[in-house]
Amino acid sequence: MKASLEALRQRYETDAALALDPIAIPLRFGDALDREVVAFLAAHLAYGKVAPMLRAIEKVLLHLGPHPAAWLRSRDEATLRAELSQALEGWVWRFHTAEDMAQWLLAWKRLDAESGQGLEAHLLPAPGESADVALSRLVQRLRRELPPSYGLRFNLPDPLEGASCKRWRMFLRWMVRDGWPDFGLWTRYPKDQLVIPVDTHVARIARYVGLSARATPDGRMAAEITAALKKRDRADPLKYDFALSHLGILGDCPGIRTLPGCKPCPLVGVCRAGKV
C-alpha cells in the first residue's frame, strides 16, 4: 500500500495538477497574512466544478488588490461591507452570495483584530484539549455572530457534531503542513492533529483501496482514513491527500470497476478494481 501511495503521489505532484487546485490561488501571494486571507476565502468556496469555482474565487479577489490583508485591515466594517457589496453585486457561487462573502471577510477582519496575527490563535487547542474542540469553539462562535444564511451555515460544520469539515480541514492542511504544495505558515498548531479533507473523490477511492469501509463521508470516515495513512507515514500522513483527491478530480478514476482502463493507475494493485 505505501509503495502504491508513493507512486500515486509522484504522479500527481505536478504543476499541471496544481493549476487545477484552489491552493494555486493563495500560492501566488508572498506575504503570510495575504496567503491566509486568500486561503480562508478559497478553501471555503472549494466545492463543485473546478473551473467555475476558481473563477468565482478570482472574481472576489479582484477587488482586494495585491495585499488583501492590508486591504481588509485598512477599512472599517461599514466601509468594507459597502465596498464589497457594490463590487460583488450579482456575484454568486452555488450556495454563496456576495453578502456571504462580505460577511466571511468581515469575520476574518474581526478575528485578526483580536489576535493581531490572523486566525491561528483562534484555532489553537488549550493544554489537554484536542484541535477539534478548538475548531468547534470557533465554529460555534461564528454561528452566533454571522447571519444565518445558507451559504454561511454551509461554511460552519462542527467536527464535534460528526461533520467531516472538509473545507476547514483543507484550510488547516494548507496553513499547517509544510510539504508540497502546502504553506507551513502556522507553526504552533499541532501538526499531528491534522485530519484529511474528505470530499466525494477521496471517500470513494479510500473505500476502493481499503483506507475506510464507511459509506458516509463524515467525520468518522475522515478519522479512519487519517489513521490508515498514519500507518504508512506517521510524520506526514496528509502528503497523500493531494494525489488521492486529484485521481478523482481529473477523472482518472472512473468510479467503476473497469479494466484495462484502470491498469495505468498506481493503486490498481491494492484496489478492488484491480482484482476484477
C-alpha atoms as a PDB file:
ATOM      1  CA  MET A   1       0.000   0.000   0.000  1.00  0.00           C
ATOM      2  CA  LYS A   2       2.707   2.535   0.910  1.00  0.00           C
ATOM      3  CA  ALA A   3       4.592   1.936  -2.335  1.00  0.00           C
ATOM      4  CA  SER A   4       1.356   2.388  -4.298  1.00  0.00           C
ATOM      5  CA  LEU A   5       0.527   5.617  -2.484  1.00  0.00           C
ATOM      6  CA  GLU A   6       4.034   6.970  -3.062  1.00  0.00           C
ATOM      7  CA  ALA A   7       3.753   6.182  -6.766  1.00  0.00           C
ATOM      8  CA  LEU A   8       0.391   7.939  -6.889  1.00  0.00           C
ATOM      9  CA  ARG A   9       1.870  10.965  -5.143  1.00  0.00           C
ATOM     10  CA  GLN A  10       4.706  11.181  -7.652  1.00  0.00           C
ATOM     11  CA  ARG A  11       2.206  11.012 -10.494  1.00  0.00           C
ATOM     12  CA  TYR A  12       0.160  13.984  -9.297  1.00  0.00           C
ATOM     13  CA  GLU A  13       2.710  16.280  -7.697  1.00  0.00           C
ATOM     14  CA  THR A  14       2.944  18.307 -10.885  1.00  0.00           C
ATOM     15  CA  ASP A  15       2.398  21.911 -11.939  1.00  0.00           C
ATOM     16  CA  ALA A  16      -0.410  20.777 -14.245  1.00  0.00           C
ATOM     17  CA  ALA A  17      -2.381  19.221 -11.373  1.00  0.00           C
ATOM     18  CA  LEU A  18      -1.612  22.160  -9.097  1.00  0.00           C
ATOM     19  CA  ALA A  19      -3.070  24.620 -11.609  1.00  0.00           C
ATOM     20  CA  LEU A  20      -6.461  22.910 -11.206  1.00  0.00           C
ATOM     21  CA  ASP A  21      -6.456  23.105  -7.411  1.00  0.00           C
ATOM     22  CA  PRO A  22      -7.719  26.098  -5.383  1.00  0.00           C
ATOM     23  CA  ILE A  23      -4.446  26.160  -3.413  1.00  0.00           C
ATOM     24  CA  ALA A  24      -2.795  27.575  -6.544  1.00  0.00           C
ATOM     25  CA  ILE A  25      -4.542  30.902  -5.886  1.00  0.00           C
ATOM     26  CA  PRO A  26      -3.147  31.695  -2.388  1.00  0.00           C
ATOM     27  CA  LEU A  27       0.242  30.358  -3.516  1.00  0.00           C
ATOM     28  CA  ARG A  28       0.522  33.438  -5.748  1.00  0.00           C
ATOM     29  CA  PHE A  29       0.718  35.697  -2.694  1.00  0.00           C
ATOM     30  CA  GLY A  30       4.080  36.097  -0.974  1.00  0.00           C
ATOM     31  CA  ASP A  31       3.015  37.726   2.291  1.00  0.00           C
ATOM     32  CA  ALA A  32       1.929  35.261   5.005  1.00  0.00           C
ATOM     33  CA  LEU A  33      -1.224  37.124   6.041  1.00  0.00           C
ATOM     34  CA  ASP A  34      -2.255  37.668   2.430  1.00  0.00           C
ATOM     35  CA  ARG A  35      -1.966  33.927   1.874  1.00  0.00           C
ATOM     36  CA  GLU A  36      -4.053  33.302   4.953  1.00  0.00           C
ATOM     37  CA  VAL A  37      -6.859  35.615   3.851  1.00  0.00           C
ATOM     38  CA  VAL A  38      -6.922  34.164   0.350  1.00  0.00           C
ATOM     39  CA  ALA A  39      -6.769  30.598   1.698  1.00  0.00           C
ATOM     40  CA  PHE A  40      -9.628  31.321   4.131  1.00  0.00           C
ATOM     41  CA  LEU A  41     -11.718  32.508   1.198  1.00  0.00           C
ATOM     42  CA  ALA A  42     -10.618  29.913  -1.368  1.00  0.00           C
ATOM     43  CA  ALA A  43     -10.867  26.833   0.852  1.00  0.00           C
ATOM     44  CA  HIS A  44     -14.430  27.651   1.871  1.00  0.00           C
ATOM     45  CA  LEU A  45     -15.538  28.095  -1.740  1.00  0.00           C
ATOM     46  CA  ALA A  46     -13.828  24.862  -2.819  1.00  0.00           C
ATOM     47  CA  TYR A  47     -16.776  22.731  -3.841  1.00  0.00           C
ATOM     48  CA  GLY A  48     -18.471  21.991  -7.140  1.00  0.00           C
ATOM     49  CA  LYS A  49     -16.880  22.017 -10.587  1.00  0.00           C
ATOM     50  CA  VAL A  50     -13.287  23.186 -10.526  1.00  0.00           C
ATOM     51  CA  ALA A  51     -13.125  25.694 -13.380  1.00  0.00           C
ATOM     52  CA  PRO A  52     -16.148  27.852 -12.407  1.00  0.00           C
ATOM     53  CA  MET A  53     -15.167  27.574  -8.742  1.00  0.00           C
ATOM     54  CA  LEU A  54     -11.721  29.009  -9.492  1.00  0.00           C
ATOM     55  CA  ARG A  55     -13.307  31.833 -11.498  1.00  0.00           C
ATOM     56  CA  ALA A  56     -15.646  32.643  -8.603  1.00  0.00           C
ATOM     57  CA  ILE A  57     -12.705  32.901  -6.176  1.00  0.00           C
ATOM     58  CA  GLU A  58     -10.740  35.087  -8.592  1.00  0.00           C
ATOM     59  CA  LYS A  59     -13.674  37.460  -9.021  1.00  0.00           C
ATOM     60  CA  VAL A  60     -13.854  38.105  -5.273  1.00  0.00           C
ATOM     61  CA  LEU A  61     -10.098  38.619  -5.042  1.00  0.00           C
ATOM     62  CA  LEU A  62     -10.115  41.067  -7.937  1.00  0.00           C
ATOM     63  CA  HIS A  63     -11.452  43.717  -5.551  1.00  0.00           C
ATOM     64  CA  LEU A  64      -8.998  43.083  -2.694  1.00  0.00           C
ATOM     65  CA  GLY A  65      -5.872  44.104  -4.578  1.00  0.00           C
ATOM     66  CA  PRO A  66      -2.355  42.636  -4.298  1.00  0.00           C
ATOM     67  CA  HIS A  67      -2.380  42.767  -0.474  1.00  0.00           C
ATOM     68  CA  PRO A  68      -5.779  41.514   0.739  1.00  0.00           C
ATOM     69  CA  ALA A  69      -4.884  41.501   4.456  1.00  0.00           C
ATOM     70  CA  ALA A  70      -3.817  45.144   4.391  1.00  0.00           C
ATOM     71  CA  TRP A  71      -6.917  45.998   2.349  1.00  0.00           C
ATOM     72  CA  LEU A  72      -9.172  44.429   4.983  1.00  0.00           C
ATOM     73  CA  ARG A  73      -7.284  45.983   7.878  1.00  0.00           C
ATOM     74  CA  SER A  74      -7.389  49.477   6.386  1.00  0.00           C
ATOM     75  CA  ARG A  75     -11.179  49.746   6.236  1.00  0.00           C
ATOM     76  CA  ASP A  76     -13.747  49.978   8.980  1.00  0.00           C
ATOM     77  CA  GLU A  77     -16.510  47.415   8.852  1.00  0.00           C
ATOM     78  CA  ALA A  78     -19.150  49.708   7.357  1.00  0.00           C
ATOM     79  CA  THR A  79     -16.833  50.859   4.562  1.00  0.00           C
ATOM     80  CA  LEU A  80     -15.633  47.338   3.839  1.00  0.00           C
ATOM     81  CA  ARG A  81     -19.132  45.940   3.634  1.00  0.00           C
ATOM     82  CA  ALA A  82     -20.352  48.779   1.401  1.00  0.00           C
ATOM     83  CA  GLU A  83     -17.397  48.447  -0.982  1.00  0.00           C
ATOM     84  CA  LEU A  84     -17.714  44.681  -1.258  1.00  0.00           C
ATOM     85  CA  SER A  85     -21.478  44.810  -1.714  1.00  0.00           C
ATOM     86  CA  GLN A  86     -21.038  47.204  -4.621  1.00  0.00           C
ATOM     87  CA  ALA A  87     -18.044  45.436  -6.156  1.00  0.00           C
ATOM     88  CA  LEU A  88     -19.593  41.971  -5.932  1.00  0.00           C
ATOM     89  CA  GLU A  89     -23.115  42.907  -6.990  1.00  0.00           C
ATOM     90  CA  GLY A  90     -24.593  39.904  -8.777  1.00  0.00           C
ATOM     91  CA  TRP A  91     -21.757  37.591  -7.729  1.00  0.00           C
ATOM     92  CA  VAL A  92     -22.808  34.099  -6.672  1.00  0.00           C
ATOM     93  CA  TRP A  93     -21.148  30.739  -6.296  1.00  0.00           C
ATOM     94  CA  ARG A  94     -23.686  27.964  -5.811  1.00  0.00           C
ATOM     95  CA  PHE A  95     -24.777  28.336  -2.147  1.00  0.00           C
ATOM     96  CA  HIS A  96     -22.830  31.578  -1.595  1.00  0.00           C
ATOM     97  CA  THR A  97     -23.883  35.144  -2.299  1.00  0.00           C
ATOM     98  CA  ALA A  98     -21.993  38.427  -2.353  1.00  0.00           C
ATOM     99  CA  GLU A  99     -23.326  39.230   1.115  1.00  0.00           C
ATOM    100  CA  ASP A 100     -21.992  35.899   2.386  1.00  0.00           C
ATOM    101  CA  MET A 101     -18.534  36.763   1.088  1.00  0.00           C
ATOM    102  CA  ALA A 102     -18.619  40.216   2.638  1.00  0.00           C
ATOM    103  CA  GLN A 103     -19.573  38.683   5.995  1.00  0.00           C
ATOM    104  CA  TRP A 104     -16.905  35.969   5.692  1.00  0.00           C
ATOM    105  CA  LEU A 105     -14.169  38.522   5.088  1.00  0.00           C
ATOM    106  CA  LEU A 106     -15.520  40.674   7.916  1.00  0.00           C
ATOM    107  CA  ALA A 107     -15.228  37.636  10.181  1.00  0.00           C
ATOM    108  CA  TRP A 108     -11.536  37.320   9.289  1.00  0.00           C
ATOM    109  CA  LYS A 109     -11.063  41.039   9.971  1.00  0.00           C
ATOM    110  CA  ARG A 110     -12.654  40.802  13.439  1.00  0.00           C
ATOM    111  CA  LEU A 111     -10.700  37.697  14.440  1.00  0.00           C
ATOM    112  CA  ASP A 112      -7.460  39.204  13.146  1.00  0.00           C
ATOM    113  CA  ALA A 113      -8.104  42.398  15.110  1.00  0.00           C
ATOM    114  CA  GLU A 114      -8.404  40.344  18.302  1.00  0.00           C
ATOM    115  CA  SER A 115      -5.227  38.320  17.780  1.00  0.00           C
ATOM    116  CA  GLY A 116      -3.191  40.829  15.783  1.00  0.00           C
ATOM    117  CA  GLN A 117      -1.843  37.872  13.806  1.00  0.00           C
ATOM    118  CA  GLY A 118      -4.642  36.320  11.817  1.00  0.00           C
ATOM    119  CA  LEU A 119      -6.532  33.144  12.672  1.00  0.00           C
ATOM    120  CA  GLU A 120      -4.017  30.684  14.104  1.00  0.00           C
ATOM    121  CA  ALA A 121      -4.541  31.756  17.714  1.00  0.00           C
ATOM    122  CA  HIS A 122      -8.292  31.156  17.362  1.00  0.00           C
ATOM    123  CA  LEU A 123      -7.739  27.550  16.273  1.00  0.00           C
ATOM    124  CA  LEU A 124      -5.085  26.533  18.802  1.00  0.00           C
ATOM    125  CA  PRO A 125      -6.255  23.967  21.364  1.00  0.00           C
ATOM    126  CA  ALA A 126      -5.764  24.722  25.026  1.00  0.00           C
ATOM    127  CA  PRO A 127      -3.464  22.402  27.023  1.00  0.00           C
ATOM    128  CA  GLY A 128      -5.010  18.955  27.204  1.00  0.00           C
ATOM    129  CA  GLU A 129      -7.607  19.841  24.566  1.00  0.00           C
ATOM    130  CA  SER A 130      -7.949  18.385  21.078  1.00  0.00           C
ATOM    131  CA  ALA A 131      -7.679  20.538  17.986  1.00  0.00           C
ATOM    132  CA  ASP A 132     -11.252  19.607  17.089  1.00  0.00           C
ATOM    133  CA  VAL A 133     -12.501  21.185  20.303  1.00  0.00           C
ATOM    134  CA  ALA A 134     -10.801  24.425  19.287  1.00  0.00           C
ATOM    135  CA  LEU A 135     -12.284  24.225  15.784  1.00  0.00           C
ATOM    136  CA  SER A 136     -15.731  23.543  17.253  1.00  0.00           C
ATOM    137  CA  ARG A 137     -15.390  26.539  19.560  1.00  0.00           C
ATOM    138  CA  LEU A 138     -14.608  28.850  16.637  1.00  0.00           C
ATOM    139  CA  VAL A 139     -17.390  27.376  14.502  1.00  0.00           C
ATOM    140  CA  GLN A 140     -19.932  27.858  17.282  1.00  0.00           C
ATOM    141  CA  ARG A 141     -18.786  31.431  17.815  1.00  0.00           C
ATOM    142  CA  LEU A 142     -19.151  32.219  14.107  1.00  0.00           C
ATOM    143  CA  ARG A 143     -22.592  30.608  14.055  1.00  0.00           C
ATOM    144  CA  ARG A 144     -23.644  33.072  16.765  1.00  0.00           C
ATOM    145  CA  GLU A 145     -22.018  36.119  15.185  1.00  0.00           C
ATOM    146  CA  LEU A 146     -22.694  35.674  11.463  1.00  0.00           C
ATOM    147  CA  PRO A 147     -26.089  35.957   9.741  1.00  0.00           C
ATOM    148  CA  PRO A 148     -27.868  32.594   9.404  1.00  0.00           C
ATOM    149  CA  SER A 149     -27.756  32.464   5.596  1.00  0.00           C
ATOM    150  CA  TYR A 150     -27.466  29.090   3.908  1.00  0.00           C
ATOM    151  CA  GLY A 151     -24.039  29.903   2.447  1.00  0.00           C
ATOM    152  CA  LEU A 152     -22.550  30.936   5.784  1.00  0.00           C
ATOM    153  CA  ARG A 153     -24.026  27.955   7.617  1.00  0.00           C
ATOM    154  CA  PHE A 154     -22.558  25.756   4.877  1.00  0.00           C
ATOM    155  CA  ASN A 155     -19.157  27.143   5.922  1.00  0.00           C
ATOM    156  CA  LEU A 156     -19.679  26.188   9.559  1.00  0.00           C
ATOM    157  CA  PRO A 157     -19.907  22.420  10.097  1.00  0.00           C
ATOM    158  CA  ASP A 158     -18.885  21.290  13.578  1.00  0.00           C
ATOM    159  CA  PRO A 159     -16.456  18.356  13.995  1.00  0.00           C
ATOM    160  CA  LEU A 160     -17.973  17.554  17.379  1.00  0.00           C
ATOM    161  CA  GLU A 161     -21.310  17.043  15.638  1.00  0.00           C
ATOM    162  CA  GLY A 162     -19.784  14.387  13.394  1.00  0.00           C
ATOM    163  CA  ALA A 163     -19.122  16.525  10.317  1.00  0.00           C
ATOM    164  CA  SER A 164     -16.092  15.817   8.136  1.00  0.00           C
ATOM    165  CA  CYS A 165     -15.420  19.601   7.897  1.00  0.00           C
ATOM    166  CA  LYS A 166     -13.774  19.079   4.521  1.00  0.00           C
ATOM    167  CA  ARG A 167     -13.128  22.743   3.722  1.00  0.00           C
ATOM    168  CA  TRP A 168     -11.854  23.595   7.227  1.00  0.00           C
ATOM    169  CA  ARG A 169      -9.576  20.520   7.037  1.00  0.00           C
ATOM    170  CA  MET A 170      -8.293  21.752   3.692  1.00  0.00           C
ATOM    171  CA  PHE A 171      -7.616  25.239   5.049  1.00  0.00           C
ATOM    172  CA  LEU A 172      -5.782  23.778   8.041  1.00  0.00           C
ATOM    173  CA  ARG A 173      -3.737  21.460   5.847  1.00  0.00           C
ATOM    174  CA  TRP A 174      -2.664  24.373   3.684  1.00  0.00           C
ATOM    175  CA  MET A 175      -1.715  26.557   6.635  1.00  0.00           C
ATOM    176  CA  VAL A 176      -0.025  23.953   8.868  1.00  0.00           C
ATOM    177  CA  ARG A 177       1.562  21.239   6.745  1.00  0.00           C
ATOM    178  CA  ASP A 178       4.932  22.280   5.300  1.00  0.00           C
ATOM    179  CA  GLY A 179       5.384  19.758   2.473  1.00  0.00           C
ATOM    180  CA  TRP A 180       4.442  20.359  -1.171  1.00  0.00           C
ATOM    181  CA  PRO A 181       2.127  22.076  -2.027  1.00  0.00           C
ATOM    182  CA  ASP A 182       1.220  23.468   1.410  1.00  0.00           C
ATOM    183  CA  PHE A 183       2.424  26.670   3.127  1.00  0.00           C
ATOM    184  CA  GLY A 184       3.535  25.618   6.611  1.00  0.00           C
ATOM    185  CA  LEU A 185       2.848  29.138   7.888  1.00  0.00           C
ATOM    186  CA  TRP A 186       1.297  28.115  11.204  1.00  0.00           C
ATOM    187  CA  THR A 187       3.997  26.643  13.405  1.00  0.00           C
ATOM    188  CA  ARG A 188       2.103  26.489  16.729  1.00  0.00           C
ATOM    189  CA  TYR A 189      -0.814  24.377  15.537  1.00  0.00           C
ATOM    190  CA  PRO A 190      -0.395  20.651  16.373  1.00  0.00           C
ATOM    191  CA  LYS A 191       0.545  19.118  13.033  1.00  0.00           C
ATOM    192  CA  ASP A 192      -0.141  15.612  14.332  1.00  0.00           C
ATOM    193  CA  GLN A 193      -3.827  16.530  14.770  1.00  0.00           C
ATOM    194  CA  LEU A 194      -4.429  17.412  11.139  1.00  0.00           C
ATOM    195  CA  VAL A 195      -7.234  15.360   9.567  1.00  0.00           C
ATOM    196  CA  ILE A 196      -7.609  14.613   5.875  1.00  0.00           C
ATOM    197  CA  PRO A 197     -10.199  16.693   3.970  1.00  0.00           C
ATOM    198  CA  VAL A 198     -12.710  14.132   2.699  1.00  0.00           C
ATOM    199  CA  ASP A 199     -14.558  15.011  -0.487  1.00  0.00           C
ATOM    200  CA  THR A 200     -16.530  12.600  -2.666  1.00  0.00           C
ATOM    201  CA  HIS A 201     -13.395  11.628  -4.592  1.00  0.00           C
ATOM    202  CA  VAL A 202     -11.285  10.842  -1.539  1.00  0.00           C
ATOM    203  CA  ALA A 203     -14.177   8.965   0.072  1.00  0.00           C
ATOM    204  CA  ARG A 204     -14.766   6.787  -2.971  1.00  0.00           C
ATOM    205  CA  ILE A 205     -11.110   5.984  -3.595  1.00  0.00           C
ATOM    206  CA  ALA A 206     -10.491   5.341   0.109  1.00  0.00           C
ATOM    207  CA  ARG A 207     -13.235   2.715   0.058  1.00  0.00           C
ATOM    208  CA  TYR A 208     -11.774   1.153  -3.091  1.00  0.00           C
ATOM    209  CA  VAL A 209      -8.327   0.698  -1.541  1.00  0.00           C
ATOM    210  CA  GLY A 210      -9.404  -0.196   1.980  1.00  0.00           C
ATOM    211  CA  LEU A 211      -8.486   3.016   3.819  1.00  0.00           C
ATOM    212  CA  SER A 212     -12.052   3.119   5.168  1.00  0.00           C
ATOM    213  CA  ALA A 213     -15.081   0.867   4.975  1.00  0.00           C
ATOM    214  CA  ARG A 214     -17.602   3.592   5.818  1.00  0.00           C
ATOM    215  CA  ALA A 215     -20.254   4.533   3.285  1.00  0.00           C
ATOM    216  CA  THR A 216     -20.784   8.097   4.524  1.00  0.00           C
ATOM    217  CA  PRO A 217     -18.076  10.783   4.077  1.00  0.00           C
ATOM    218  CA  ASP A 218     -18.393  12.037   7.640  1.00  0.00           C
ATOM    219  CA  GLY A 219     -16.041  12.818  10.491  1.00  0.00           C
ATOM    220  CA  ARG A 220     -15.577   9.151  11.357  1.00  0.00           C
ATOM    221  CA  MET A 221     -14.527   8.369   7.801  1.00  0.00           C
ATOM    222  CA  ALA A 222     -12.049  11.252   7.839  1.00  0.00           C
ATOM    223  CA  ALA A 223     -10.580   9.932  11.096  1.00  0.00           C
ATOM    224  CA  GLU A 224     -10.380   6.373   9.716  1.00  0.00           C
ATOM    225  CA  ILE A 225      -8.589   7.457   6.543  1.00  0.00           C
ATOM    226  CA  THR A 226      -6.186   9.642   8.506  1.00  0.00           C
ATOM    227  CA  ALA A 227      -5.395   6.779  10.882  1.00  0.00           C
ATOM    228  CA  ALA A 228      -4.835   4.405   7.959  1.00  0.00           C
ATOM    229  CA  LEU A 229      -2.483   6.874   6.258  1.00  0.00           C
ATOM    230  CA  LYS A 230      -0.559   7.330   9.514  1.00  0.00           C
ATOM    231  CA  LYS A 231       0.325   3.640   9.320  1.00  0.00           C
ATOM    232  CA  ARG A 232       2.094   4.445   6.036  1.00  0.00           C
ATOM    233  CA  ASP A 233       3.679   7.719   7.161  1.00  0.00           C
ATOM    234  CA  ARG A 234       3.150   8.747  10.775  1.00  0.00           C
ATOM    235  CA  ALA A 235       5.028  12.038  10.425  1.00  0.00           C
ATOM    236  CA  ASP A 236       3.197  13.278   7.330  1.00  0.00           C
ATOM    237  CA  PRO A 237       0.059  11.254   6.505  1.00  0.00           C
ATOM    238  CA  LEU A 238      -1.646  14.104   4.659  1.00  0.00           C
ATOM    239  CA  LYS A 239       1.034  14.166   1.987  1.00  0.00           C
ATOM    240  CA  TYR A 240      -1.185  11.670   0.135  1.00  0.00           C
ATOM    241  CA  ASP A 241      -4.289  13.883   0.171  1.00  0.00           C
ATOM    242  CA  PHE A 242      -3.500  15.925  -2.950  1.00  0.00           C
ATOM    243  CA  ALA A 243      -2.882  12.817  -5.069  1.00  0.00           C
ATOM    244  CA  LEU A 244      -5.909  10.894  -3.784  1.00  0.00           C
ATOM    245  CA  SER A 245      -8.244  13.801  -4.488  1.00  0.00           C
ATOM    246  CA  HIS A 246      -6.792  14.582  -7.918  1.00  0.00           C
ATOM    247  CA  LEU A 247      -7.085  10.977  -9.040  1.00  0.00           C
ATOM    248  CA  GLY A 248     -10.818  11.671  -8.860  1.00  0.00           C
ATOM    249  CA  ILE A 249     -10.913  15.389  -9.729  1.00  0.00           C
ATOM    250  CA  LEU A 250      -9.056  14.871 -13.006  1.00  0.00           C
ATOM    251  CA  GLY A 251     -11.319  11.979 -13.976  1.00  0.00           C
ATOM    252  CA  ASP A 252      -8.531   9.412 -13.921  1.00  0.00           C
ATOM    253  CA  CYS A 253     -10.518   7.111 -11.621  1.00  0.00           C
ATOM    254  CA  PRO A 254     -13.697   6.127 -13.493  1.00  0.00           C
ATOM    255  CA  GLY A 255     -15.601   5.271 -10.327  1.00  0.00           C
ATOM    256  CA  ILE A 256     -16.478   1.794 -11.541  1.00  0.00           C
ATOM    257  CA  ARG A 257     -14.581  -1.461 -11.862  1.00  0.00           C
ATOM    258  CA  THR A 258     -13.129  -1.223 -15.331  1.00  0.00           C
ATOM    259  CA  LEU A 259     -10.033  -2.923 -16.670  1.00  0.00           C
ATOM    260  CA  PRO A 260      -7.857  -2.455 -18.684  1.00  0.00           C
ATOM    261  CA  GLY A 261      -8.761   1.225 -18.191  1.00  0.00           C
ATOM    262  CA  CYS A 262      -7.509   1.079 -14.594  1.00  0.00           C
ATOM    263  CA  LYS A 263      -4.195  -0.568 -15.444  1.00  0.00           C
ATOM    264  CA  PRO A 264      -2.082   2.659 -15.521  1.00  0.00           C
ATOM    265  CA  CYS A 265      -3.241   3.681 -12.020  1.00  0.00           C
ATOM    266  CA  PRO A 266      -0.564   3.238  -9.326  1.00  0.00           C
ATOM    267  CA  LEU A 267      -3.266   1.971  -6.936  1.00  0.00           C
ATOM    268  CA  VAL A 268      -4.509  -0.812  -9.201  1.00  0.00           C
ATOM    269  CA  GLY A 269      -2.660  -3.499  -7.242  1.00  0.00           C
ATOM    270  CA  VAL A 270      -4.383  -2.610  -3.962  1.00  0.00           C
ATOM    271  CA  CYS A 271      -7.725  -1.505  -5.407  1.00  0.00           C
ATOM    272  CA  ARG A 272     -10.855  -3.619  -5.741  1.00  0.00           C
ATOM    273  CA  ALA A 273     -10.952  -2.670  -9.416  1.00  0.00           C
ATOM    274  CA  GLY A 274      -7.609  -4.373  -9.903  1.00  0.00           C
ATOM    275  CA  LYS A 275      -8.997  -7.655  -8.637  1.00  0.00           C
ATOM    276  CA  VAL A 276     -11.907  -7.990 -11.020  1.00  0.00           C
END
